[in-house]
């Protein structure tokens, strides 16, 4: 049996966050979440494509970085996945966050 990719939606204070998890079953995905995340409750566990899992991992790395420089590779990859490489390359200190937000919107839909 191969591991599958899951997206676990958790409630943290007033926020809802998505956590990517590799597991053999929905039950194991929930168990992994229980042991590795601080949250109020699990809202949903959904099986997702490998591409979606990879995108969630990128987004989590960006969200958890202390500075933008700490996650520059993930930002480039997120924009590449969204087909926005040229926009990322043209972005400057004032526009790069808008480019990242647009890339995230494209990948979310």
PDB file of N, CA and C in Angstrom:
ATOM      1  N   UNK A   1       0.844  -1.181   0.000  1.00  0.00           N
ATOM      2  CA  UNK A   1       0.000   0.000   0.000  1.00  0.00           C
ATOM      3  C   UNK A   1       0.891   1.247   0.000  1.00  0.00           C
ATOM      4  N   UNK A   2       0.532   2.207  -0.844  1.00  0.00           N
ATOM      5  CA  UNK A   2       1.317   3.445  -0.937  1.00  0.00           C
ATOM      6  C   UNK A   2       0.672   4.549  -0.111  1.00  0.00           C
ATOM      7  N   UNK A   3       1.521   5.449   0.377  1.00  0.00           N
ATOM      8  CA  UNK A   3       0.997   6.607   1.083  1.00  0.00           C
ATOM      9  C   UNK A   3       0.282   7.514   0.093  1.00  0.00           C
ATOM     10  N   UNK A   4      -0.732   8.182   0.589  1.00  0.00           N
ATOM     11  CA  UNK A   4      -1.488   9.136  -0.206  1.00  0.00           C
ATOM     12  C   UNK A   4      -1.251  10.531   0.352  1.00  0.00           C
ATOM     13  N   UNK A   5      -1.679  11.518  -0.393  1.00  0.00           N
ATOM     14  CA  UNK A   5      -1.493  12.900   0.036  1.00  0.00           C
ATOM     15  C   UNK A   5      -2.845  13.469   0.490  1.00  0.00           C
ATOM     16  N   UNK A   6      -2.815  14.131   1.639  1.00  0.00           N
ATOM     17  CA  UNK A   6      -4.031  14.693   2.229  1.00  0.00           C
ATOM     18  C   UNK A   6      -3.815  16.149   2.603  1.00  0.00           C
ATOM     19  N   UNK A   7      -4.922  16.875   2.615  1.00  0.00           N
ATOM     20  CA  UNK A   7      -4.962  18.247   3.084  1.00  0.00           C
ATOM     21  C   UNK A   7      -5.845  18.227   4.323  1.00  0.00           C
ATOM     22  N   UNK A   8      -5.288  18.611   5.465  1.00  0.00           N
ATOM     23  CA  UNK A   8      -6.050  18.630   6.709  1.00  0.00           C
ATOM     24  C   UNK A   8      -6.355  20.083   7.055  1.00  0.00           C
ATOM     25  N   UNK A   9      -7.638  20.389   7.168  1.00  0.00           N
ATOM     26  CA  UNK A   9      -8.056  21.741   7.523  1.00  0.00           C
ATOM     27  C   UNK A   9      -8.235  21.788   9.037  1.00  0.00           C
ATOM     28  N   UNK A  10      -7.492  22.696   9.691  1.00  0.00           N
ATOM     29  CA  UNK A  10      -7.555  22.807  11.147  1.00  0.00           C
ATOM     30  C   UNK A  10      -7.933  24.228  11.557  1.00  0.00           C
ATOM     31  N   UNK A  11      -8.571  24.341  12.704  1.00  0.00           N
ATOM     32  CA  UNK A  11      -8.920  25.645  13.270  1.00  0.00           C
ATOM     33  C   UNK A  11      -7.886  25.981  14.326  1.00  0.00           C
ATOM     34  N   UNK A  12      -7.241  27.127  14.143  1.00  0.00           N
ATOM     35  CA  UNK A  12      -6.240  27.615  15.092  1.00  0.00           C
ATOM     36  C   UNK A  12      -6.667  29.016  15.508  1.00  0.00           C
ATOM     37  N   UNK A  13      -7.115  29.149  16.743  1.00  0.00           N
ATOM     38  CA  UNK A  13      -7.667  30.415  17.232  1.00  0.00           C
ATOM     39  C   UNK A  13      -8.790  30.855  16.289  1.00  0.00           C
ATOM     40  N   UNK A  14      -8.660  32.024  15.661  1.00  0.00           N
ATOM     41  CA  UNK A  14      -9.693  32.505  14.744  1.00  0.00           C
ATOM     42  C   UNK A  14      -9.354  32.214  13.288  1.00  0.00           C
ATOM     43  N   UNK A  15      -8.281  31.480  13.034  1.00  0.00           N
ATOM     44  CA  UNK A  15      -7.848  31.178  11.675  1.00  0.00           C
ATOM     45  C   UNK A  15      -8.155  29.735  11.306  1.00  0.00           C
ATOM     46  N   UNK A  16      -8.280  29.523  10.012  1.00  0.00           N
ATOM     47  CA  UNK A  16      -8.381  28.172   9.466  1.00  0.00           C
ATOM     48  C   UNK A  16      -7.133  27.968   8.625  1.00  0.00           C
ATOM     49  N   UNK A  17      -6.409  26.886   8.895  1.00  0.00           N
ATOM     50  CA  UNK A  17      -5.161  26.606   8.185  1.00  0.00           C
ATOM     51  C   UNK A  17      -5.238  25.247   7.506  1.00  0.00           C
ATOM     52  N   UNK A  18      -4.482  25.122   6.422  1.00  0.00           N
ATOM     53  CA  UNK A  18      -4.382  23.859   5.704  1.00  0.00           C
ATOM     54  C   UNK A  18      -3.022  23.250   5.974  1.00  0.00           C
ATOM     55  N   UNK A  19      -3.016  21.980   6.320  1.00  0.00           N
ATOM     56  CA  UNK A  19      -1.782  21.280   6.646  1.00  0.00           C
ATOM     57  C   UNK A  19      -1.627  20.102   5.688  1.00  0.00           C
ATOM     58  N   UNK A  20      -0.530  20.059   4.909  1.00  0.00           N
ATOM     59  CA  UNK A  20      -0.309  18.917   4.029  1.00  0.00           C
ATOM     60  C   UNK A  20       0.215  17.722   4.820  1.00  0.00           C
ATOM     61  N   UNK A  21      -0.329  16.529   4.537  1.00  0.00           N
ATOM     62  CA  UNK A  21       0.058  15.326   5.276  1.00  0.00           C
ATOM     63  C   UNK A  21       0.177  14.153   4.299  1.00  0.00           C
ATOM     64  N   UNK A  22       1.230  13.358   4.458  1.00  0.00           N
ATOM     65  CA  UNK A  22       1.409  12.095   3.729  1.00  0.00           C
ATOM     66  C   UNK A  22       0.999  10.971   4.669  1.00  0.00           C
ATOM     67  N   UNK A  23       0.047  10.154   4.273  1.00  0.00           N
ATOM     68  CA  UNK A  23      -0.420   9.081   5.156  1.00  0.00           C
ATOM     69  C   UNK A  23      -1.027   7.949   4.326  1.00  0.00           C
ATOM     70  N   UNK A  24      -1.240   6.807   4.991  1.00  0.00           N
ATOM     71  CA  UNK A  24      -1.848   5.651   4.335  1.00  0.00           C
ATOM     72  C   UNK A  24      -3.371   5.737   4.295  1.00  0.00           C
ATOM     73  N   UNK A  25      -3.965   6.548   5.204  1.00  0.00           N
ATOM     74  CA  UNK A  25      -5.428   6.637   5.266  1.00  0.00           C
ATOM     75  C   UNK A  25      -5.835   7.982   5.860  1.00  0.00           C
ATOM     76  N   UNK A  26      -7.114   8.285   5.752  1.00  0.00           N
ATOM     77  CA  UNK A  26      -7.654   9.505   6.355  1.00  0.00           C
ATOM     78  C   UNK A  26      -7.429   9.473   7.866  1.00  0.00           C
ATOM     79  N   UNK A  27      -7.651   8.311   8.461  1.00  0.00           N
ATOM     80  CA  UNK A  27      -7.468   8.167   9.906  1.00  0.00           C
ATOM     81  C   UNK A  27      -6.018   8.456  10.309  1.00  0.00           C
ATOM     82  N   UNK A  28      -5.060   7.927   9.550  1.00  0.00           N
ATOM     83  CA  UNK A  28      -3.655   8.193   9.862  1.00  0.00           C
ATOM     84  C   UNK A  28      -3.330   9.663   9.658  1.00  0.00           C
ATOM     85  N   UNK A  29      -3.891  10.297   8.642  1.00  0.00           N
ATOM     86  CA  UNK A  29      -3.663  11.730   8.410  1.00  0.00           C
ATOM     87  C   UNK A  29      -4.138  12.541   9.610  1.00  0.00           C
ATOM     88  N   UNK A  30      -5.300  12.184  10.140  1.00  0.00           N
ATOM     89  CA  UNK A  30      -5.812  12.866  11.337  1.00  0.00           C
ATOM     90  C   UNK A  30      -4.907  12.598  12.535  1.00  0.00           C
ATOM     91  N   UNK A  31      -4.439  11.370  12.685  1.00  0.00           N
ATOM     92  CA  UNK A  31      -3.551  11.004  13.786  1.00  0.00           C
ATOM     93  C   UNK A  31      -2.237  11.792  13.718  1.00  0.00           C
ATOM     94  N   UNK A  32      -1.669  11.907  12.512  1.00  0.00           N
ATOM     95  CA  UNK A  32      -0.431  12.679  12.328  1.00  0.00           C
ATOM     96  C   UNK A  32      -0.664  14.127  12.726  1.00  0.00           C
ATOM     97  N   UNK A  33      -1.798  14.673  12.329  1.00  0.00           N
ATOM     98  CA  UNK A  33      -2.132  16.059  12.669  1.00  0.00           C
ATOM     99  C   UNK A  33      -2.233  16.233  14.176  1.00  0.00           C
ATOM    100  N   UNK A  34      -2.880  15.299  14.840  1.00  0.00           N
ATOM    101  CA  UNK A  34      -3.024  15.361  16.298  1.00  0.00           C
ATOM    102  C   UNK A  34      -1.660  15.423  16.974  1.00  0.00           C
ATOM    103  N   UNK A  35      -0.694  14.701  16.439  1.00  0.00           N
ATOM    104  CA  UNK A  35       0.622  14.626  17.061  1.00  0.00           C
ATOM    105  C   UNK A  35       1.604  15.713  16.626  1.00  0.00           C
ATOM    106  N   UNK A  36       1.284  16.468  15.583  1.00  0.00           N
ATOM    107  CA  UNK A  36       2.253  17.432  15.065  1.00  0.00           C
ATOM    108  C   UNK A  36       1.746  18.854  14.918  1.00  0.00           C
ATOM    109  N   UNK A  37       0.551  19.150  15.356  1.00  0.00           N
ATOM    110  CA  UNK A  37       0.026  20.496  15.187  1.00  0.00           C
ATOM    111  C   UNK A  37      -0.734  20.935  16.432  1.00  0.00           C
ATOM    112  N   UNK A  38      -0.664  22.233  16.710  1.00  0.00           N
ATOM    113  CA  UNK A  38      -1.439  22.812  17.786  1.00  0.00           C
ATOM    114  C   UNK A  38      -2.673  23.438  17.147  1.00  0.00           C
ATOM    115  N   UNK A  39      -3.839  22.985  17.536  1.00  0.00           N
ATOM    116  CA  UNK A  39      -5.061  23.445  16.907  1.00  0.00           C
ATOM    117  C   UNK A  39      -6.228  23.242  17.864  1.00  0.00           C
ATOM    118  N   UNK A  40      -7.355  23.856  17.550  1.00  0.00           N
ATOM    119  CA  UNK A  40      -8.559  23.669  18.349  1.00  0.00           C
ATOM    120  C   UNK A  40      -9.330  22.437  17.900  1.00  0.00           C
ATOM    121  N   UNK A  41      -9.451  22.265  16.557  1.00  0.00           N
ATOM    122  CA  UNK A  41     -10.134  21.075  16.051  1.00  0.00           C
ATOM    123  C   UNK A  41      -9.821  20.862  14.576  1.00  0.00           C
ATOM    124  N   UNK A  42      -9.984  19.634  14.148  1.00  0.00           N
ATOM    125  CA  UNK A  42      -9.841  19.284  12.739  1.00  0.00           C
ATOM    126  C   UNK A  42     -11.194  19.520  12.083  1.00  0.00           C
ATOM    127  N   UNK A  43     -11.204  20.297  11.001  1.00  0.00           N
ATOM    128  CA  UNK A  43     -12.445  20.600  10.302  1.00  0.00           C
ATOM    129  C   UNK A  43     -12.700  19.652   9.137  1.00  0.00           C
ATOM    130  N   UNK A  44     -11.612  19.218   8.471  1.00  0.00           N
ATOM    131  CA  UNK A  44     -11.786  18.323   7.318  1.00  0.00           C
ATOM    132  C   UNK A  44     -10.463  17.653   6.989  1.00  0.00           C
ATOM    133  N   UNK A  45     -10.555  16.472   6.408  1.00  0.00           N
ATOM    134  CA  UNK A  45      -9.395  15.761   5.866  1.00  0.00           C
ATOM    135  C   UNK A  45      -9.790  15.352   4.452  1.00  0.00           C
ATOM    136  N   UNK A  46      -9.028  15.822   3.466  1.00  0.00           N
ATOM    137  CA  UNK A  46      -9.356  15.583   2.070  1.00  0.00           C
ATOM    138  C   UNK A  46      -8.149  15.026   1.337  1.00  0.00           C
ATOM    139  N   UNK A  47      -8.371  13.988   0.553  1.00  0.00           N
ATOM    140  CA  UNK A  47      -7.286  13.470  -0.282  1.00  0.00           C
ATOM    141  C   UNK A  47      -7.078  14.452  -1.435  1.00  0.00           C
ATOM    142  N   UNK A  48      -5.809  14.764  -1.722  1.00  0.00           N
ATOM    143  CA  UNK A  48      -5.487  15.731  -2.774  1.00  0.00           C
ATOM    144  C   UNK A  48      -4.435  15.149  -3.713  1.00  0.00           C
ATOM    145  N   UNK A  49      -4.250  15.814  -4.834  1.00  0.00           N
ATOM    146  CA  UNK A  49      -3.237  15.381  -5.800  1.00  0.00           C
ATOM    147  C   UNK A  49      -1.843  15.655  -5.253  1.00  0.00           C
ATOM    148  N   UNK A  50      -0.868  14.998  -5.820  1.00  0.00           N
ATOM    149  CA  UNK A  50       0.525  15.230  -5.424  1.00  0.00           C
ATOM    150  C   UNK A  50       0.920  16.674  -5.700  1.00  0.00           C
ATOM    151  N   UNK A  51       0.413  17.245  -6.793  1.00  0.00           N
ATOM    152  CA  UNK A  51       0.724  18.635  -7.124  1.00  0.00           C
ATOM    153  C   UNK A  51       0.160  19.581  -6.064  1.00  0.00           C
ATOM    154  N   UNK A  52      -1.060  19.325  -5.614  1.00  0.00           N
ATOM    155  CA  UNK A  52      -1.671  20.149  -4.563  1.00  0.00           C
ATOM    156  C   UNK A  52      -0.886  20.008  -3.262  1.00  0.00           C
ATOM    157  N   UNK A  53      -0.482  18.803  -2.928  1.00  0.00           N
ATOM    158  CA  UNK A  53       0.325  18.558  -1.725  1.00  0.00           C
ATOM    159  C   UNK A  53       1.618  19.368  -1.791  1.00  0.00           C
ATOM    160  N   UNK A  54       2.286  19.318  -2.940  1.00  0.00           N
ATOM    161  CA  UNK A  54       3.544  20.040  -3.139  1.00  0.00           C
ATOM    162  C   UNK A  54       3.311  21.548  -2.982  1.00  0.00           C
ATOM    163  N   UNK A  55       2.227  22.040  -3.545  1.00  0.00           N
ATOM    164  CA  UNK A  55       1.892  23.464  -3.438  1.00  0.00           C
ATOM    165  C   UNK A  55       1.646  23.853  -1.984  1.00  0.00           C
ATOM    166  N   UNK A  56       0.931  23.018  -1.240  1.00  0.00           N
ATOM    167  CA  UNK A  56       0.685  23.292   0.178  1.00  0.00           C
ATOM    168  C   UNK A  56       1.982  23.313   0.979  1.00  0.00           C
ATOM    169  N   UNK A  57       2.909  22.409   0.647  1.00  0.00           N
ATOM    170  CA  UNK A  57       4.208  22.397   1.333  1.00  0.00           C
ATOM    171  C   UNK A  57       4.953  23.707   1.082  1.00  0.00           C
ATOM    172  N   UNK A  58       4.911  24.190  -0.164  1.00  0.00           N
ATOM    173  CA  UNK A  58       5.554  25.476  -0.500  1.00  0.00           C
ATOM    174  C   UNK A  58       4.922  26.609   0.305  1.00  0.00           C
ATOM    175  N   UNK A  59       3.598  26.645   0.315  1.00  0.00           N
ATOM    176  CA  UNK A  59       2.884  27.708   1.025  1.00  0.00           C
ATOM    177  C   UNK A  59       3.186  27.671   2.525  1.00  0.00           C
ATOM    178  N   UNK A  60       3.272  26.475   3.093  1.00  0.00           N
ATOM    179  CA  UNK A  60       3.590  26.345   4.522  1.00  0.00           C
ATOM    180  C   UNK A  60       5.001  26.833   4.810  1.00  0.00           C
ATOM    181  N   UNK A  61       5.940  26.515   3.943  1.00  0.00           N
ATOM    182  CA  UNK A  61       7.328  26.977   4.133  1.00  0.00           C
ATOM    183  C   UNK A  61       7.395  28.498   4.073  1.00  0.00           C
ATOM    184  N   UNK A  62       6.641  29.094   3.148  1.00  0.00           N
ATOM    185  CA  UNK A  62       6.621  30.559   3.035  1.00  0.00           C
ATOM    186  C   UNK A  62       5.995  31.172   4.279  1.00  0.00           C
ATOM    187  N   UNK A  63       4.869  30.615   4.714  1.00  0.00           N
ATOM    188  CA  UNK A  63       4.170  31.150   5.887  1.00  0.00           C
ATOM    189  C   UNK A  63       5.006  31.034   7.166  1.00  0.00           C
ATOM    190  N   UNK A  64       5.826  29.997   7.265  1.00  0.00           N
ATOM    191  CA  UNK A  64       6.611  29.770   8.475  1.00  0.00           C
ATOM    192  C   UNK A  64       7.994  30.406   8.459  1.00  0.00           C
ATOM    193  N   UNK A  65       8.372  31.024   7.353  1.00  0.00           N
ATOM    194  CA  UNK A  65       9.699  31.642   7.253  1.00  0.00           C
ATOM    195  C   UNK A  65       9.757  32.927   8.092  1.00  0.00           C
ATOM    196  N   UNK A  66      10.922  33.183   8.653  1.00  0.00           N
ATOM    197  CA  UNK A  66      11.110  34.404   9.439  1.00  0.00           C
ATOM    198  C   UNK A  66      11.260  35.630   8.541  1.00  0.00           C
ATOM    199  N   UNK A  67      11.909  35.454   7.395  1.00  0.00           N
ATOM    200  CA  UNK A  67      12.098  36.556   6.450  1.00  0.00           C
ATOM    201  C   UNK A  67      11.814  36.051   5.041  1.00  0.00           C
ATOM    202  N   UNK A  68      11.594  36.972   4.119  1.00  0.00           N
ATOM    203  CA  UNK A  68      11.363  36.588   2.727  1.00  0.00           C
ATOM    204  C   UNK A  68      12.586  35.900   2.145  1.00  0.00           C
ATOM    205  N   UNK A  69      13.765  36.288   2.577  1.00  0.00           N
ATOM    206  CA  UNK A  69      14.990  35.663   2.066  1.00  0.00           C
ATOM    207  C   UNK A  69      15.073  34.188   2.464  1.00  0.00           C
ATOM    208  N   UNK A  70      14.478  33.843   3.603  1.00  0.00           N
ATOM    209  CA  UNK A  70      14.492  32.455   4.064  1.00  0.00           C
ATOM    210  C   UNK A  70      13.654  31.526   3.180  1.00  0.00           C
ATOM    211  N   UNK A  71      12.746  32.094   2.396  1.00  0.00           N
ATOM    212  CA  UNK A  71      11.854  31.257   1.587  1.00  0.00           C
ATOM    213  C   UNK A  71      11.860  31.668   0.116  1.00  0.00           C
ATOM    214  N   UNK A  72      12.943  32.275  -0.317  1.00  0.00           N
ATOM    215  CA  UNK A  72      13.011  32.756  -1.702  1.00  0.00           C
ATOM    216  C   UNK A  72      12.824  31.622  -2.714  1.00  0.00           C
ATOM    217  N   UNK A  73      13.438  30.481  -2.481  1.00  0.00           N
ATOM    218  CA  UNK A  73      13.297  29.345  -3.412  1.00  0.00           C
ATOM    219  C   UNK A  73      11.840  28.882  -3.503  1.00  0.00           C
ATOM    220  N   UNK A  74      11.158  28.848  -2.365  1.00  0.00           N
ATOM    221  CA  UNK A  74       9.760  28.433  -2.352  1.00  0.00           C
ATOM    222  C   UNK A  74       8.883  29.449  -3.082  1.00  0.00           C
ATOM    223  N   UNK A  75       9.202  30.744  -2.941  1.00  0.00           N
ATOM    224  CA  UNK A  75       8.453  31.788  -3.645  1.00  0.00           C
ATOM    225  C   UNK A  75       8.605  31.628  -5.159  1.00  0.00           C
ATOM    226  N   UNK A  76       9.836  31.388  -5.604  1.00  0.00           N
ATOM    227  CA  UNK A  76      10.088  31.173  -7.028  1.00  0.00           C
ATOM    228  C   UNK A  76       9.308  29.965  -7.529  1.00  0.00           C
ATOM    229  N   UNK A  77       9.334  28.881  -6.766  1.00  0.00           N
ATOM    230  CA  UNK A  77       8.645  27.653  -7.171  1.00  0.00           C
ATOM    231  C   UNK A  77       7.125  27.835  -7.193  1.00  0.00           C
ATOM    232  N   UNK A  78       6.584  28.549  -6.213  1.00  0.00           N
ATOM    233  CA  UNK A  78       5.152  28.803  -6.183  1.00  0.00           C
ATOM    234  C   UNK A  78       4.721  29.593  -7.420  1.00  0.00           C
ATOM    235  N   UNK A  79       5.490  30.589  -7.786  1.00  0.00           N
ATOM    236  CA  UNK A  79       5.180  31.372  -8.982  1.00  0.00           C
ATOM    237  C   UNK A  79       5.343  30.531 -10.246  1.00  0.00           C
ATOM    238  N   UNK A  80       6.333  29.646 -10.277  1.00  0.00           N
ATOM    239  CA  UNK A  80       6.514  28.767 -11.432  1.00  0.00           C
ATOM    240  C   UNK A  80       5.305  27.850 -11.599  1.00  0.00           C
ATOM    241  N   UNK A  81       4.843  27.272 -10.493  1.00  0.00           N
ATOM    242  CA  UNK A  81       3.686  26.385 -10.544  1.00  0.00           C
ATOM    243  C   UNK A  81       2.424  27.110 -11.029  1.00  0.00           C
ATOM    244  N   UNK A  82       2.339  28.399 -10.732  1.00  0.00           N
ATOM    245  CA  UNK A  82       1.176  29.192 -11.135  1.00  0.00           C
ATOM    246  C   UNK A  82       1.344  29.778 -12.539  1.00  0.00           C
ATOM    247  N   UNK A  83       2.490  29.517 -13.186  1.00  0.00           N
ATOM    248  CA  UNK A  83       2.729  30.075 -14.512  1.00  0.00           C
ATOM    249  C   UNK A  83       3.041  31.558 -14.479  1.00  0.00           C
ATOM    250  N   UNK A  84       3.635  32.009 -13.381  1.00  0.00           N
ATOM    251  CA  UNK A  84       3.914  33.438 -13.198  1.00  0.00           C
ATOM    252  C   UNK A  84       5.402  33.722 -12.999  1.00  0.00           C
ATOM    253  N   UNK A  85       6.244  32.945 -13.668  1.00  0.00           N
ATOM    254  CA  UNK A  85       7.692  33.146 -13.524  1.00  0.00           C
ATOM    255  C   UNK A  85       8.127  34.537 -13.971  1.00  0.00           C
ATOM    256  N   UNK A  86       7.609  35.001 -15.095  1.00  0.00           N
ATOM    257  CA  UNK A  86       8.034  36.303 -15.607  1.00  0.00           C
ATOM    258  C   UNK A  86       7.580  37.425 -14.671  1.00  0.00           C
ATOM    259  N   UNK A  87       6.365  37.305 -14.111  1.00  0.00           N
ATOM    260  CA  UNK A  87       5.893  38.316 -13.165  1.00  0.00           C
ATOM    261  C   UNK A  87       6.785  38.357 -11.927  1.00  0.00           C
ATOM    262  N   UNK A  88       7.216  37.168 -11.469  1.00  0.00           N
ATOM    263  CA  UNK A  88       8.098  37.106 -10.308  1.00  0.00           C
ATOM    264  C   UNK A  88       9.442  37.758 -10.622  1.00  0.00           C
ATOM    265  N   UNK A  89       9.989  37.470 -11.792  1.00  0.00           N
ATOM    266  CA  UNK A  89      11.280  38.035 -12.172  1.00  0.00           C
ATOM    267  C   UNK A  89      11.214  39.547 -12.320  1.00  0.00           C
ATOM    268  N   UNK A  90      10.063  40.068 -12.725  1.00  0.00           N
ATOM    269  CA  UNK A  90       9.893  41.509 -12.898  1.00  0.00           C
ATOM    270  C   UNK A  90       9.521  42.223 -11.604  1.00  0.00           C
ATOM    271  N   UNK A  91       9.127  41.475 -10.582  1.00  0.00           N
ATOM    272  CA  UNK A  91       8.683  42.076  -9.321  1.00  0.00           C
ATOM    273  C   UNK A  91       9.848  42.728  -8.595  1.00  0.00           C
ATOM    274  N   UNK A  92       9.510  43.771  -7.844  1.00  0.00           N
ATOM    275  CA  UNK A  92      10.526  44.440  -7.024  1.00  0.00           C
ATOM    276  C   UNK A  92      10.074  44.413  -5.566  1.00  0.00           C
ATOM    277  N   UNK A  93      10.763  45.131  -4.720  1.00  0.00           N
ATOM    278  CA  UNK A  93      10.468  45.136  -3.289  1.00  0.00           C
ATOM    279  C   UNK A  93       9.066  45.607  -2.942  1.00  0.00           C
ATOM    280  N   UNK A  94       8.459  46.375  -3.857  1.00  0.00           N
ATOM    281  CA  UNK A  94       7.111  46.878  -3.605  1.00  0.00           C
ATOM    282  C   UNK A  94       6.012  45.989  -4.171  1.00  0.00           C
ATOM    283  N   UNK A  95       6.359  45.117  -5.119  1.00  0.00           N
ATOM    284  CA  UNK A  95       5.318  44.359  -5.817  1.00  0.00           C
ATOM    285  C   UNK A  95       5.389  42.845  -5.625  1.00  0.00           C
ATOM    286  N   UNK A  96       6.462  42.334  -5.020  1.00  0.00           N
ATOM    287  CA  UNK A  96       6.611  40.881  -4.959  1.00  0.00           C
ATOM    288  C   UNK A  96       5.514  40.195  -4.140  1.00  0.00           C
ATOM    289  N   UNK A  97       5.029  40.851  -3.079  1.00  0.00           N
ATOM    290  CA  UNK A  97       3.969  40.236  -2.267  1.00  0.00           C
ATOM    291  C   UNK A  97       2.671  40.113  -3.065  1.00  0.00           C
ATOM    292  N   UNK A  98       2.376  41.111  -3.884  1.00  0.00           N
ATOM    293  CA  UNK A  98       1.172  41.049  -4.723  1.00  0.00           C
ATOM    294  C   UNK A  98       1.291  39.918  -5.737  1.00  0.00           C
ATOM    295  N   UNK A  99       2.486  39.718  -6.275  1.00  0.00           N
ATOM    296  CA  UNK A  99       2.713  38.621  -7.230  1.00  0.00           C
ATOM    297  C   UNK A  99       2.516  37.279  -6.522  1.00  0.00           C
ATOM    298  N   UNK A 100       3.067  37.134  -5.326  1.00  0.00           N
ATOM    299  CA  UNK A 100       2.889  35.889  -4.565  1.00  0.00           C
ATOM    300  C   UNK A 100       1.419  35.635  -4.241  1.00  0.00           C
ATOM    301  N   UNK A 101       0.701  36.673  -3.843  1.00  0.00           N
ATOM    302  CA  UNK A 101      -0.723  36.517  -3.533  1.00  0.00           C
ATOM    303  C   UNK A 101      -1.504  36.090  -4.770  1.00  0.00           C
ATOM    304  N   UNK A 102      -1.184  36.666  -5.918  1.00  0.00           N
ATOM    305  CA  UNK A 102      -1.861  36.292  -7.162  1.00  0.00           C
ATOM    306  C   UNK A 102      -1.542  34.834  -7.533  1.00  0.00           C
ATOM    307  N   UNK A 103      -0.288  34.440  -7.352  1.00  0.00           N
ATOM    308  CA  UNK A 103       0.103  33.048  -7.631  1.00  0.00           C
ATOM    309  C   UNK A 103      -0.669  32.098  -6.707  1.00  0.00           C
ATOM    310  N   UNK A 104      -0.775  32.444  -5.455  1.00  0.00           N
ATOM    311  CA  UNK A 104      -1.513  31.612  -4.506  1.00  0.00           C
ATOM    312  C   UNK A 104      -2.986  31.507  -4.899  1.00  0.00           C
ATOM    313  N   UNK A 105      -3.586  32.608  -5.335  1.00  0.00           N
ATOM    314  CA  UNK A 105      -4.988  32.584  -5.779  1.00  0.00           C
ATOM    315  C   UNK A 105      -5.165  31.660  -6.976  1.00  0.00           C
ATOM    316  N   UNK A 106      -4.232  31.751  -7.923  1.00  0.00           N
ATOM    317  CA  UNK A 106      -4.320  30.901  -9.111  1.00  0.00           C
ATOM    318  C   UNK A 106      -4.239  29.418  -8.742  1.00  0.00           C
ATOM    319  N   UNK A 107      -3.354  29.093  -7.823  1.00  0.00           N
ATOM    320  CA  UNK A 107      -3.155  27.705  -7.435  1.00  0.00           C
ATOM    321  C   UNK A 107      -4.287  27.182  -6.549  1.00  0.00           C
ATOM    322  N   UNK A 108      -4.961  28.083  -5.869  1.00  0.00           N
ATOM    323  CA  UNK A 108      -6.041  27.678  -4.978  1.00  0.00           C
ATOM    324  C   UNK A 108      -7.285  27.257  -5.754  1.00  0.00           C
ATOM    325  N   UNK A 109      -7.486  27.867  -6.913  1.00  0.00           N
ATOM    326  CA  UNK A 109      -8.706  27.569  -7.687  1.00  0.00           C
ATOM    327  C   UNK A 109      -8.545  26.333  -8.549  1.00  0.00           C
TER     328      UNK A 109
END
